[in-house]
Amino acid sequence: MFVAINNAGPQLAWLGFLVNVGAVVGLASVVLVLLLGQSRVFYAMSRDGLIPPLYCRIHPTFRTPWIARS
């Protein structure tokens, strides 16, 4: 899409910048959501016995899975 905007002409140069900013913000939000969900996926896998029981620990205060390190 960025190539198409660049070939459209110099009057749309601002749109290329806007597309780049949108792509960076979109990728950052996806990475954040994946990192937040990783501990829950590890928790479920640990309960099923697919990975060590270390990942099945629950935070004492918040009662959520909180260990997701390798």
N, C-alpha and C. Protein backbone atom coordinates (compact mmCIF):
# COMPACT_ATOMS: atom_id res chain seq x y z
N MET A 1 0.83 -1.19 0.00
CA MET A 1 0.00 0.00 0.00
C MET A 1 0.87 1.25 0.00
N PHE A 2 1.98 1.20 0.71
CA PHE A 2 2.85 2.37 0.77
C PHE A 2 3.42 2.69 -0.60
N VAL A 3 3.74 1.66 -1.39
CA VAL A 3 4.26 1.87 -2.74
C VAL A 3 3.21 2.56 -3.60
N ALA A 4 1.96 2.15 -3.46
CA ALA A 4 0.88 2.77 -4.23
C ALA A 4 0.72 4.24 -3.86
N ILE A 5 0.84 4.55 -2.61
CA ILE A 5 0.70 5.95 -2.18
C ILE A 5 1.87 6.78 -2.68
N ASN A 6 3.08 6.22 -2.65
CA ASN A 6 4.24 6.96 -3.16
C ASN A 6 4.13 7.21 -4.66
N ASN A 7 3.57 6.26 -5.40
CA ASN A 7 3.44 6.43 -6.85
C ASN A 7 2.25 7.31 -7.23
N ALA A 8 1.40 7.66 -6.29
CA ALA A 8 0.23 8.49 -6.58
C ALA A 8 0.62 9.94 -6.82
N GLY A 9 1.75 10.35 -6.33
CA GLY A 9 2.18 11.72 -6.57
C GLY A 9 2.62 12.41 -5.28
N PRO A 10 3.31 13.52 -5.42
CA PRO A 10 3.83 14.22 -4.24
C PRO A 10 2.75 14.87 -3.39
N GLN A 11 1.57 15.10 -3.93
CA GLN A 11 0.52 15.72 -3.14
C GLN A 11 -0.04 14.78 -2.07
N LEU A 12 0.27 13.48 -2.15
CA LEU A 12 -0.19 12.53 -1.15
C LEU A 12 0.95 12.04 -0.25
N ALA A 13 2.01 12.78 -0.16
CA ALA A 13 3.15 12.37 0.67
C ALA A 13 2.75 12.28 2.14
N TRP A 14 1.88 13.13 2.59
CA TRP A 14 1.42 13.09 3.99
C TRP A 14 0.68 11.79 4.30
N LEU A 15 0.01 11.23 3.30
CA LEU A 15 -0.73 9.99 3.51
C LEU A 15 0.21 8.81 3.74
N GLY A 16 1.37 8.83 3.09
CA GLY A 16 2.37 7.79 3.32
C GLY A 16 2.86 7.79 4.75
N PHE A 17 3.08 8.97 5.29
CA PHE A 17 3.49 9.09 6.69
C PHE A 17 2.40 8.57 7.61
N LEU A 18 1.16 8.89 7.31
CA LEU A 18 0.04 8.43 8.12
C LEU A 18 -0.09 6.91 8.09
N VAL A 19 0.13 6.31 6.94
CA VAL A 19 0.08 4.85 6.83
C VAL A 19 1.19 4.22 7.66
N ASN A 20 2.38 4.81 7.61
CA ASN A 20 3.50 4.29 8.42
C ASN A 20 3.20 4.37 9.91
N VAL A 21 2.66 5.46 10.37
CA VAL A 21 2.32 5.61 11.78
C VAL A 21 1.25 4.60 12.17
N GLY A 22 0.25 4.42 11.33
CA GLY A 22 -0.79 3.44 11.61
C GLY A 22 -0.24 2.02 11.68
N ALA A 23 0.72 1.69 10.84
CA ALA A 23 1.31 0.36 10.85
C ALA A 23 2.10 0.13 12.13
N VAL A 24 2.85 1.12 12.56
CA VAL A 24 3.63 0.98 13.80
C VAL A 24 2.71 0.84 15.01
N VAL A 25 1.68 1.65 15.08
CA VAL A 25 0.74 1.57 16.21
C VAL A 25 0.00 0.24 16.20
N GLY A 26 -0.40 -0.23 15.03
CA GLY A 26 -1.08 -1.51 14.93
C GLY A 26 -0.20 -2.67 15.37
N LEU A 27 1.04 -2.69 14.93
CA LEU A 27 1.96 -3.76 15.32
C LEU A 27 2.25 -3.72 16.82
N ALA A 28 2.41 -2.53 17.37
CA ALA A 28 2.68 -2.41 18.81
C ALA A 28 1.51 -2.94 19.63
N SER A 29 0.29 -2.65 19.21
CA SER A 29 -0.87 -3.14 19.97
C SER A 29 -0.99 -4.66 19.88
N VAL A 30 -0.66 -5.24 18.74
CA VAL A 30 -0.72 -6.69 18.61
C VAL A 30 0.31 -7.35 19.50
N VAL A 31 1.52 -6.81 19.54
CA VAL A 31 2.56 -7.38 20.39
C VAL A 31 2.17 -7.28 21.86
N LEU A 32 1.58 -6.17 22.27
CA LEU A 32 1.15 -6.01 23.65
C LEU A 32 0.09 -7.04 24.03
N VAL A 33 -0.88 -7.25 23.17
CA VAL A 33 -1.93 -8.22 23.47
C VAL A 33 -1.37 -9.63 23.52
N LEU A 34 -0.44 -9.96 22.63
CA LEU A 34 0.17 -11.29 22.65
C LEU A 34 0.96 -11.51 23.93
N LEU A 35 1.67 -10.50 24.40
CA LEU A 35 2.43 -10.65 25.63
C LEU A 35 1.51 -10.78 26.84
N LEU A 36 0.39 -10.09 26.84
CA LEU A 36 -0.55 -10.21 27.95
C LEU A 36 -1.21 -11.59 27.98
N GLY A 37 -1.46 -12.17 26.82
CA GLY A 37 -2.10 -13.47 26.77
C GLY A 37 -1.16 -14.64 26.95
N GLN A 38 0.14 -14.41 26.85
CA GLN A 38 1.11 -15.50 26.93
C GLN A 38 1.04 -16.24 28.26
N SER A 39 0.89 -15.53 29.36
CA SER A 39 0.86 -16.19 30.66
C SER A 39 -0.36 -17.09 30.80
N ARG A 40 -1.48 -16.70 30.21
CA ARG A 40 -2.69 -17.54 30.27
C ARG A 40 -2.55 -18.79 29.41
N VAL A 41 -1.90 -18.66 28.27
CA VAL A 41 -1.67 -19.83 27.43
C VAL A 41 -0.73 -20.80 28.13
N PHE A 42 0.35 -20.28 28.75
CA PHE A 42 1.26 -21.13 29.50
C PHE A 42 0.56 -21.80 30.67
N TYR A 43 -0.35 -21.09 31.32
CA TYR A 43 -1.09 -21.65 32.45
C TYR A 43 -1.94 -22.84 31.98
N ALA A 44 -2.64 -22.68 30.88
CA ALA A 44 -3.48 -23.76 30.36
C ALA A 44 -2.63 -24.95 29.92
N MET A 45 -1.51 -24.69 29.28
CA MET A 45 -0.63 -25.78 28.85
C MET A 45 -0.04 -26.50 30.05
N SER A 46 0.26 -25.77 31.11
CA SER A 46 0.82 -26.38 32.31
C SER A 46 -0.21 -27.25 33.01
N ARG A 47 -1.45 -26.81 33.05
CA ARG A 47 -2.52 -27.63 33.65
C ARG A 47 -2.70 -28.93 32.89
N ASP A 48 -2.53 -28.89 31.58
CA ASP A 48 -2.69 -30.09 30.75
C ASP A 48 -1.46 -30.99 30.77
N GLY A 49 -0.38 -30.53 31.40
CA GLY A 49 0.83 -31.33 31.50
C GLY A 49 1.75 -31.24 30.30
N LEU A 50 1.55 -30.26 29.45
CA LEU A 50 2.38 -30.11 28.26
C LEU A 50 3.70 -29.41 28.55
N ILE A 51 3.73 -28.59 29.58
CA ILE A 51 4.96 -27.91 30.01
C ILE A 51 5.07 -28.06 31.53
N PRO A 52 6.23 -27.75 32.11
CA PRO A 52 6.42 -27.96 33.55
C PRO A 52 5.39 -27.22 34.41
N PRO A 53 5.12 -27.74 35.61
CA PRO A 53 4.11 -27.13 36.49
C PRO A 53 4.51 -25.76 37.04
N LEU A 54 5.70 -25.30 36.78
CA LEU A 54 6.14 -23.97 37.21
C LEU A 54 5.20 -22.89 36.68
N TYR A 55 4.69 -23.09 35.47
CA TYR A 55 3.85 -22.08 34.83
C TYR A 55 2.40 -22.11 35.32
N CYS A 56 2.08 -23.00 36.22
CA CYS A 56 0.72 -23.13 36.73
C CYS A 56 0.52 -22.32 38.01
N ARG A 57 1.48 -21.51 38.38
CA ARG A 57 1.37 -20.73 39.62
C ARG A 57 0.43 -19.54 39.42
N ILE A 58 -0.28 -19.22 40.49
CA ILE A 58 -1.25 -18.12 40.49
C ILE A 58 -0.73 -17.02 41.42
N HIS A 59 -0.88 -15.76 41.00
CA HIS A 59 -0.46 -14.63 41.82
C HIS A 59 -1.31 -14.58 43.08
N PRO A 60 -0.68 -14.42 44.26
CA PRO A 60 -1.45 -14.47 45.50
C PRO A 60 -2.45 -13.32 45.67
N THR A 61 -2.16 -12.17 45.14
CA THR A 61 -3.05 -11.02 45.31
C THR A 61 -4.10 -10.93 44.21
N PHE A 62 -3.66 -11.04 42.96
CA PHE A 62 -4.56 -10.81 41.83
C PHE A 62 -5.26 -12.07 41.34
N ARG A 63 -4.82 -13.25 41.80
CA ARG A 63 -5.41 -14.53 41.45
C ARG A 63 -5.43 -14.76 39.93
N THR A 64 -4.35 -14.37 39.27
CA THR A 64 -4.19 -14.58 37.83
C THR A 64 -2.86 -15.29 37.59
N PRO A 65 -2.72 -16.01 36.46
CA PRO A 65 -1.43 -16.61 36.16
C PRO A 65 -0.41 -15.50 35.88
N TRP A 66 0.79 -15.66 36.44
CA TRP A 66 1.72 -14.54 36.31
C TRP A 66 3.14 -14.95 35.96
N ILE A 67 3.46 -16.21 35.89
CA ILE A 67 4.81 -16.61 35.51
C ILE A 67 4.78 -17.06 34.06
N ALA A 68 5.49 -16.34 33.22
CA ALA A 68 5.57 -16.69 31.79
C ALA A 68 6.98 -16.44 31.31
N ARG A 69 7.93 -17.06 31.92
CA ARG A 69 9.33 -16.90 31.49
C ARG A 69 9.88 -18.25 31.11
N SER A 70 10.89 -18.23 30.29
CA SER A 70 11.47 -19.49 29.84
C SER A 70 12.82 -19.73 30.51
